[in-house]
C-alpha atoms as a PDB file:
ATOM      1  CA  MET A   1     106.011 119.928 122.514  1.00  0.00           C
ATOM      2  CA  GLU A   2     103.046 119.050 120.770  1.00  0.00           C
ATOM      3  CA  ILE A   3     101.506 115.417 119.827  1.00  0.00           C
ATOM      4  CA  LYS A   4      99.522 115.466 117.176  1.00  0.00           C
ATOM      5  CA  LYS A   5      98.425 112.562 115.686  1.00  0.00           C
ATOM      6  CA  LEU A   6      98.194 113.233 111.711  1.00  0.00           C
ATOM      7  CA  ASP A   7      95.873 112.543 109.190  1.00  0.00           C
ATOM      8  CA  LEU A   8      96.544 110.951 106.068  1.00  0.00           C
ATOM      9  CA  ALA A   9      97.042 113.923 104.208  1.00  0.00           C
ATOM     10  CA  GLU A  10      99.993 115.261 106.844  1.00  0.00           C
ATOM     11  CA  ALA A  11     101.498 111.212 107.156  1.00  0.00           C
ATOM     12  CA  ARG A  12     101.527 111.627 103.228  1.00  0.00           C
ATOM     13  CA  GLN A  13     103.414 114.970 103.131  1.00  0.00           C
ATOM     14  CA  VAL A  14     105.803 113.021 105.931  1.00  0.00           C
ATOM     15  CA  CYS A  15     105.987 110.298 104.177  1.00  0.00           C
ATOM     16  CA  ASP A  16     107.418 113.398 100.770  1.00  0.00           C
ATOM     17  CA  GLU A  17     109.580 115.619 102.836  1.00  0.00           C
ATOM     18  CA  HIS A  18     111.174 113.313 105.578  1.00  0.00           C
ATOM     19  CA  MET A  19     111.300 109.578 105.541  1.00  0.00           C
ATOM     20  CA  MET A  20     113.162 109.491 102.161  1.00  0.00           C
ATOM     21  CA  TYR A  21     115.829 111.336 103.478  1.00  0.00           C
ATOM     22  CA  ASP A  22     115.777 109.185 107.045  1.00  0.00           C
ATOM     23  CA  PHE A  23     115.570 106.270 106.261  1.00  0.00           C
ATOM     24  CA  PRO A  24     117.014 103.856 103.413  1.00  0.00           C
ATOM     25  CA  ASP A  25     115.011 102.331 101.054  1.00  0.00           C
ATOM     26  CA  ASN A  26     114.744  99.115 102.068  1.00  0.00           C
ATOM     27  CA  GLU A  27     113.714  99.952 105.434  1.00  0.00           C
ATOM     28  CA  ARG A  28     111.080 102.367 104.222  1.00  0.00           C
ATOM     29  CA  LYS A  29     107.016 100.929 103.258  1.00  0.00           C
ATOM     30  CA  PRO A  30     105.196 101.758 100.836  1.00  0.00           C
ATOM     31  CA  PHE A  31     102.894 104.833 101.804  1.00  0.00           C
ATOM     32  CA  SER A  32      99.776 102.335 100.211  1.00  0.00           C
ATOM     33  CA  SER A  33     101.035  99.842 103.165  1.00  0.00           C
ATOM     34  CA  ILE A  34     100.538 103.108 105.985  1.00  0.00           C
ATOM     35  CA  GLU A  35      97.486 103.727 104.736  1.00  0.00           C
ATOM     36  CA  GLY A  36      95.725 100.459 104.508  1.00  0.00           C
ATOM     37  CA  MET A  37      96.813 100.141 107.903  1.00  0.00           C
ATOM     38  CA  ALA A  38      95.618 103.426 109.219  1.00  0.00           C
ATOM     39  CA  ARG A  39      92.144 103.048 107.590  1.00  0.00           C
ATOM     40  CA  LYS A  40      91.860  99.590 109.263  1.00  0.00           C
ATOM     41  CA  GLY A  41      92.670 101.302 112.813  1.00  0.00           C
ATOM     42  CA  TRP A  42      96.496  99.418 113.049  1.00  0.00           C
ATOM     43  CA  TYR A  43      98.970 102.029 112.634  1.00  0.00           C
ATOM     44  CA  ARG A  44      99.091 105.889 114.070  1.00  0.00           C
ATOM     45  CA  CYS A  45     101.181 108.090 112.579  1.00  0.00           C
ATOM     46  CA  LEU A  46     102.078 110.844 115.141  1.00  0.00           C
ATOM     47  CA  GLY A  47     103.821 114.094 114.697  1.00  0.00           C
ATOM     48  CA  PHE A  48     106.117 115.954 117.571  1.00  0.00           C
ATOM     49  CA  TYR A  49     105.528 119.920 116.986  1.00  0.00           C
ATOM     50  CA  GLU A  50     107.945 122.648 118.346  1.00  0.00           C
ATOM     51  CA  GLU A  51     106.500 126.419 117.802  1.00  0.00           C
ATOM     52  CA  GLU A  52     104.277 124.720 115.203  1.00  0.00           C
ATOM     53  CA  ARG A  53     107.262 123.148 113.189  1.00  0.00           C
ATOM     54  CA  LEU A  54     107.664 119.111 113.007  1.00  0.00           C
ATOM     55  CA  ALA A  55     110.666 118.159 115.401  1.00  0.00           C
ATOM     56  CA  ALA A  56     110.007 114.765 114.967  1.00  0.00           C
ATOM     57  CA  TYR A  57     107.402 111.997 113.856  1.00  0.00           C
ATOM     58  CA  ALA A  58     106.533 108.203 115.080  1.00  0.00           C
ATOM     59  CA  PHE A  59     104.428 105.846 112.321  1.00  0.00           C
ATOM     60  CA  ARG A  60     103.878 102.690 114.502  1.00  0.00           C
ATOM     61  CA  ILE A  61     101.813  99.541 114.259  1.00  0.00           C
ATOM     62  CA  PHE A  62      99.855  98.885 117.169  1.00  0.00           C
ATOM     63  CA  ALA A  63      98.893  94.695 116.163  1.00  0.00           C
ATOM     64  CA  ASP A  64      98.107  93.447 119.308  1.00  0.00           C
ATOM     65  CA  ASP A  65      94.624  92.957 118.094  1.00  0.00           C
ATOM     66  CA  ILE A  66      95.675  90.955 114.795  1.00  0.00           C
ATOM     67  CA  MET A  67      98.887  89.374 116.322  1.00  0.00           C
ATOM     68  CA  ASP A  68      96.618  86.629 118.217  1.00  0.00           C
ATOM     69  CA  THR A  69      96.508  83.655 116.242  1.00  0.00           C
ATOM     70  CA  GLY A  70      94.740  82.048 118.650  1.00  0.00           C
ATOM     71  CA  ASN A  71      96.797  79.791 120.232  1.00  0.00           C
ATOM     72  CA  GLY A  72      98.290  81.489 123.089  1.00  0.00           C
ATOM     73  CA  CYS A  73     101.131  83.215 121.277  1.00  0.00           C
ATOM     74  CA  GLY A  74      99.170  87.040 120.764  1.00  0.00           C
ATOM     75  CA  MET A  75     101.239  89.985 122.062  1.00  0.00           C
ATOM     76  CA  GLY A  76      99.798  92.232 124.974  1.00  0.00           C
ATOM     77  CA  ARG A  77      96.182  93.364 125.300  1.00  0.00           C
ATOM     78  CA  LYS A  78      93.099  92.623 122.717  1.00  0.00           C
ATOM     79  CA  GLY A  79      91.771  95.377 121.128  1.00  0.00           C
ATOM     80  CA  ARG A  80      93.005  99.073 119.203  1.00  0.00           C
ATOM     81  CA  ILE A  81      94.703 101.557 121.005  1.00  0.00           C
ATOM     82  CA  GLU A  82      93.003 104.904 119.640  1.00  0.00           C
END
């Protein structure tokens, strides 16, 4: 299995072709939100491929650096995960 970081065009395609069937409306973010967070480096869109065919995907926020409010209640380590 190959894991690939998706660019925004590929992520849009996954949203359009798969997420609408895999998740109910109230569990999906608008793509504009995904795009904005990805451009800031807070969001990762990954595709898992078997024989060049999308087998699974994961869209995840990596917000450790934006979750720290300075009051000691931040989550995890500082910095973005690349």
